[in-house]
């Protein structure tokens, strides 16, 4: 039973990611991975390329390429770090903030409809998801100590 649940979790996550990617490319001309990067910069304060790379679990050169594209698209502001070195400070432009907000609202609505269509009350789903995320965060913080 646990193996099946684990497999189901991987399949569900992959399907949600692919669906989000298709929607975002078609409606906003941005990939899901770039949307996640923008969200991390705007919502979680991934204010340097190094921090963003850590959040995404990718290399700094990969993030450097991604942030260059997002900056060229007018969604991200990339500036040298005032402390010096090769670090770059990241922040969303107004256009980036508007895009993130629009996408979040659209995806939230679609997810709510999908969850409701499955027969699971959305408020219950949201509460359980928030508890799982809080537990995960707490366990990560404890492991880092």
C-alpha atoms as a PDB file:
ATOM      1  CA  UNK A   1       0.000   0.000   0.000  1.00  0.00           C
ATOM      2  CA  UNK A   2       2.757   2.515   0.886  1.00  0.00           C
ATOM      3  CA  UNK A   3       4.631   1.835  -2.338  1.00  0.00           C
ATOM      4  CA  UNK A   4       1.489   2.500  -4.332  1.00  0.00           C
ATOM      5  CA  UNK A   5       0.840   5.718  -2.404  1.00  0.00           C
ATOM      6  CA  UNK A   6       4.396   6.876  -3.034  1.00  0.00           C
ATOM      7  CA  UNK A   7       4.093   6.102  -6.738  1.00  0.00           C
ATOM      8  CA  UNK A   8       0.765   7.931  -6.857  1.00  0.00           C
ATOM      9  CA  UNK A   9       2.357  10.971  -5.249  1.00  0.00           C
ATOM     10  CA  UNK A  10       5.126  11.049  -7.870  1.00  0.00           C
ATOM     11  CA  UNK A  11       2.652  10.607 -10.716  1.00  0.00           C
ATOM     12  CA  UNK A  12       0.332  13.303  -9.361  1.00  0.00           C
ATOM     13  CA  UNK A  13       3.193  15.767  -8.875  1.00  0.00           C
ATOM     14  CA  UNK A  14       4.551  15.125 -12.369  1.00  0.00           C
ATOM     15  CA  UNK A  15       1.101  15.524 -13.938  1.00  0.00           C
ATOM     16  CA  UNK A  16       0.414  18.770 -12.075  1.00  0.00           C
ATOM     17  CA  UNK A  17       3.820  20.149 -13.098  1.00  0.00           C
ATOM     18  CA  UNK A  18       3.288  19.205 -16.760  1.00  0.00           C
ATOM     19  CA  UNK A  19      -0.234  20.641 -16.784  1.00  0.00           C
ATOM     20  CA  UNK A  20       0.984  23.895 -15.231  1.00  0.00           C
ATOM     21  CA  UNK A  21       3.818  24.087 -17.756  1.00  0.00           C
ATOM     22  CA  UNK A  22       1.415  23.624 -20.698  1.00  0.00           C
ATOM     23  CA  UNK A  23      -0.965  26.270 -19.333  1.00  0.00           C
ATOM     24  CA  UNK A  24       1.768  28.812 -18.607  1.00  0.00           C
ATOM     25  CA  UNK A  25       3.481  28.383 -21.958  1.00  0.00           C
ATOM     26  CA  UNK A  26       0.180  28.745 -23.829  1.00  0.00           C
ATOM     27  CA  UNK A  27      -1.271  31.629 -21.819  1.00  0.00           C
ATOM     28  CA  UNK A  28       1.768  33.550 -20.563  1.00  0.00           C
ATOM     29  CA  UNK A  29       4.694  32.400 -22.727  1.00  0.00           C
ATOM     30  CA  UNK A  30       6.673  31.372 -19.636  1.00  0.00           C
ATOM     31  CA  UNK A  31       7.712  27.905 -18.462  1.00  0.00           C
ATOM     32  CA  UNK A  32       6.648  26.511 -15.119  1.00  0.00           C
ATOM     33  CA  UNK A  33      10.269  26.397 -13.941  1.00  0.00           C
ATOM     34  CA  UNK A  34      10.696  30.108 -14.715  1.00  0.00           C
ATOM     35  CA  UNK A  35       7.433  30.884 -12.931  1.00  0.00           C
ATOM     36  CA  UNK A  36       8.716  28.981  -9.883  1.00  0.00           C
ATOM     37  CA  UNK A  37      11.945  31.005 -10.001  1.00  0.00           C
ATOM     38  CA  UNK A  38       9.992  34.271 -10.169  1.00  0.00           C
ATOM     39  CA  UNK A  39       7.795  33.137  -7.281  1.00  0.00           C
ATOM     40  CA  UNK A  40      10.822  32.265  -5.176  1.00  0.00           C
ATOM     41  CA  UNK A  41      12.347  35.690  -5.813  1.00  0.00           C
ATOM     42  CA  UNK A  42       9.104  37.542  -5.093  1.00  0.00           C
ATOM     43  CA  UNK A  43       7.513  35.495  -2.341  1.00  0.00           C
ATOM     44  CA  UNK A  44      10.389  33.816  -0.526  1.00  0.00           C
ATOM     45  CA  UNK A  45      13.070  36.428  -0.899  1.00  0.00           C
ATOM     46  CA  UNK A  46      15.574  34.466  -2.981  1.00  0.00           C
ATOM     47  CA  UNK A  47      17.446  37.712  -3.424  1.00  0.00           C
ATOM     48  CA  UNK A  48      20.686  36.393  -4.942  1.00  0.00           C
ATOM     49  CA  UNK A  49      21.412  33.992  -7.757  1.00  0.00           C
ATOM     50  CA  UNK A  50      23.147  31.677  -5.272  1.00  0.00           C
ATOM     51  CA  UNK A  51      20.089  31.558  -2.993  1.00  0.00           C
ATOM     52  CA  UNK A  52      17.796  30.974  -5.962  1.00  0.00           C
ATOM     53  CA  UNK A  53      20.016  28.119  -7.168  1.00  0.00           C
ATOM     54  CA  UNK A  54      19.821  26.534  -3.700  1.00  0.00           C
ATOM     55  CA  UNK A  55      16.015  26.846  -3.598  1.00  0.00           C
ATOM     56  CA  UNK A  56      15.687  25.344  -7.079  1.00  0.00           C
ATOM     57  CA  UNK A  57      18.321  22.650  -6.532  1.00  0.00           C
ATOM     58  CA  UNK A  58      20.255  23.635  -9.659  1.00  0.00           C
ATOM     59  CA  UNK A  59      23.690  25.080 -10.382  1.00  0.00           C
ATOM     60  CA  UNK A  60      24.503  28.767 -10.255  1.00  0.00           C
ATOM     61  CA  UNK A  61      25.393  28.834 -13.992  1.00  0.00           C
ATOM     62  CA  UNK A  62      21.941  27.401 -14.737  1.00  0.00           C
ATOM     63  CA  UNK A  63      20.295  30.100 -12.640  1.00  0.00           C
ATOM     64  CA  UNK A  64      22.495  32.735 -14.257  1.00  0.00           C
ATOM     65  CA  UNK A  65      21.192  31.730 -17.700  1.00  0.00           C
ATOM     66  CA  UNK A  66      17.589  31.651 -16.444  1.00  0.00           C
ATOM     67  CA  UNK A  67      17.810  35.040 -14.734  1.00  0.00           C
ATOM     68  CA  UNK A  68      19.350  36.565 -17.871  1.00  0.00           C
ATOM     69  CA  UNK A  69      16.320  35.435 -19.891  1.00  0.00           C
ATOM     70  CA  UNK A  70      13.875  36.656 -17.242  1.00  0.00           C
ATOM     71  CA  UNK A  71      15.668  40.009 -17.083  1.00  0.00           C
ATOM     72  CA  UNK A  72      15.624  40.312 -20.897  1.00  0.00           C
ATOM     73  CA  UNK A  73      11.868  39.634 -20.772  1.00  0.00           C
ATOM     74  CA  UNK A  74      11.457  42.509 -18.313  1.00  0.00           C
ATOM     75  CA  UNK A  75      10.316  40.291 -15.431  1.00  0.00           C
ATOM     76  CA  UNK A  76      13.394  40.333 -13.227  1.00  0.00           C
ATOM     77  CA  UNK A  77      15.860  43.009 -12.214  1.00  0.00           C
ATOM     78  CA  UNK A  78      19.427  41.710 -11.826  1.00  0.00           C
ATOM     79  CA  UNK A  79      21.963  44.056 -10.238  1.00  0.00           C
ATOM     80  CA  UNK A  80      25.488  43.653  -8.864  1.00  0.00           C
ATOM     81  CA  UNK A  81      25.513  43.012  -5.121  1.00  0.00           C
ATOM     82  CA  UNK A  82      26.542  46.179  -3.241  1.00  0.00           C
ATOM     83  CA  UNK A  83      28.803  43.994  -1.073  1.00  0.00           C
ATOM     84  CA  UNK A  84      30.900  43.272  -4.165  1.00  0.00           C
ATOM     85  CA  UNK A  85      32.097  40.029  -5.656  1.00  0.00           C
ATOM     86  CA  UNK A  86      30.345  38.177  -8.430  1.00  0.00           C
ATOM     87  CA  UNK A  87      27.010  38.003  -6.644  1.00  0.00           C
ATOM     88  CA  UNK A  88      23.917  39.384  -8.318  1.00  0.00           C
ATOM     89  CA  UNK A  89      20.904  40.771  -6.442  1.00  0.00           C
ATOM     90  CA  UNK A  90      17.497  39.740  -7.767  1.00  0.00           C
ATOM     91  CA  UNK A  91      14.129  41.442  -7.530  1.00  0.00           C
ATOM     92  CA  UNK A  92      10.926  41.318  -9.504  1.00  0.00           C
ATOM     93  CA  UNK A  93      10.058  44.178 -11.797  1.00  0.00           C
ATOM     94  CA  UNK A  94       6.512  45.532 -11.654  1.00  0.00           C
ATOM     95  CA  UNK A  95       5.744  43.434 -14.724  1.00  0.00           C
ATOM     96  CA  UNK A  96       7.191  40.377 -12.959  1.00  0.00           C
ATOM     97  CA  UNK A  97       5.054  41.015  -9.868  1.00  0.00           C
ATOM     98  CA  UNK A  98       1.929  41.365 -11.993  1.00  0.00           C
ATOM     99  CA  UNK A  99       2.709  38.187 -13.920  1.00  0.00           C
ATOM    100  CA  UNK A 100       3.319  36.142 -10.754  1.00  0.00           C
ATOM    101  CA  UNK A 101       0.082  37.398  -9.186  1.00  0.00           C
ATOM    102  CA  UNK A 102      -1.914  36.670 -12.344  1.00  0.00           C
ATOM    103  CA  UNK A 103      -0.481  33.177 -12.731  1.00  0.00           C
ATOM    104  CA  UNK A 104      -0.979  32.331  -9.058  1.00  0.00           C
ATOM    105  CA  UNK A 105      -4.610  33.389  -9.239  1.00  0.00           C
ATOM    106  CA  UNK A 106      -5.217  31.409 -12.424  1.00  0.00           C
ATOM    107  CA  UNK A 107      -3.506  28.242 -11.224  1.00  0.00           C
ATOM    108  CA  UNK A 108      -5.242  28.455  -7.845  1.00  0.00           C
ATOM    109  CA  UNK A 109      -8.617  28.641  -9.563  1.00  0.00           C
ATOM    110  CA  UNK A 110      -7.838  25.687 -11.785  1.00  0.00           C
ATOM    111  CA  UNK A 111      -6.534  23.627  -8.875  1.00  0.00           C
ATOM    112  CA  UNK A 112      -9.622  24.445  -6.797  1.00  0.00           C
ATOM    113  CA  UNK A 113     -11.840  23.289  -9.667  1.00  0.00           C
ATOM    114  CA  UNK A 114      -9.825  20.083 -10.102  1.00  0.00           C
ATOM    115  CA  UNK A 115      -9.948  19.293  -6.384  1.00  0.00           C
ATOM    116  CA  UNK A 116     -13.690  20.054  -6.215  1.00  0.00           C
ATOM    117  CA  UNK A 117     -14.298  17.869  -9.278  1.00  0.00           C
ATOM    118  CA  UNK A 118     -12.548  15.001  -7.449  1.00  0.00           C
ATOM    119  CA  UNK A 119     -15.042  15.265  -4.598  1.00  0.00           C
ATOM    120  CA  UNK A 120     -12.515  16.543  -2.070  1.00  0.00           C
ATOM    121  CA  UNK A 121     -13.583  19.801  -0.397  1.00  0.00           C
ATOM    122  CA  UNK A 122     -11.023  22.430  -1.382  1.00  0.00           C
ATOM    123  CA  UNK A 123     -10.837  23.966   2.091  1.00  0.00           C
ATOM    124  CA  UNK A 124      -9.938  20.538   3.528  1.00  0.00           C
ATOM    125  CA  UNK A 125      -7.326  20.002   0.832  1.00  0.00           C
ATOM    126  CA  UNK A 126      -5.831  23.451   1.524  1.00  0.00           C
ATOM    127  CA  UNK A 127      -5.739  22.854   5.294  1.00  0.00           C
ATOM    128  CA  UNK A 128      -4.045  19.461   4.968  1.00  0.00           C
ATOM    129  CA  UNK A 129      -1.556  20.825   2.441  1.00  0.00           C
ATOM    130  CA  UNK A 130      -0.679  23.739   4.748  1.00  0.00           C
ATOM    131  CA  UNK A 131      -0.122  21.325   7.664  1.00  0.00           C
ATOM    132  CA  UNK A 132       2.086  19.071   5.549  1.00  0.00           C
ATOM    133  CA  UNK A 133       4.157  22.041   4.348  1.00  0.00           C
ATOM    134  CA  UNK A 134       4.524  23.400   7.893  1.00  0.00           C
ATOM    135  CA  UNK A 135       5.677  19.988   9.110  1.00  0.00           C
ATOM    136  CA  UNK A 136       8.143  19.690   6.251  1.00  0.00           C
ATOM    137  CA  UNK A 137       9.519  23.168   6.991  1.00  0.00           C
ATOM    138  CA  UNK A 138       9.891  22.368  10.698  1.00  0.00           C
ATOM    139  CA  UNK A 139      11.713  19.104   9.961  1.00  0.00           C
ATOM    140  CA  UNK A 140      14.078  20.871   7.538  1.00  0.00           C
ATOM    141  CA  UNK A 141      14.871  23.531  10.125  1.00  0.00           C
ATOM    142  CA  UNK A 142      15.534  20.884  12.795  1.00  0.00           C
ATOM    143  CA  UNK A 143      17.841  18.985  10.431  1.00  0.00           C
ATOM    144  CA  UNK A 144      19.785  22.159   9.669  1.00  0.00           C
ATOM    145  CA  UNK A 145      20.619  22.698  13.356  1.00  0.00           C
END
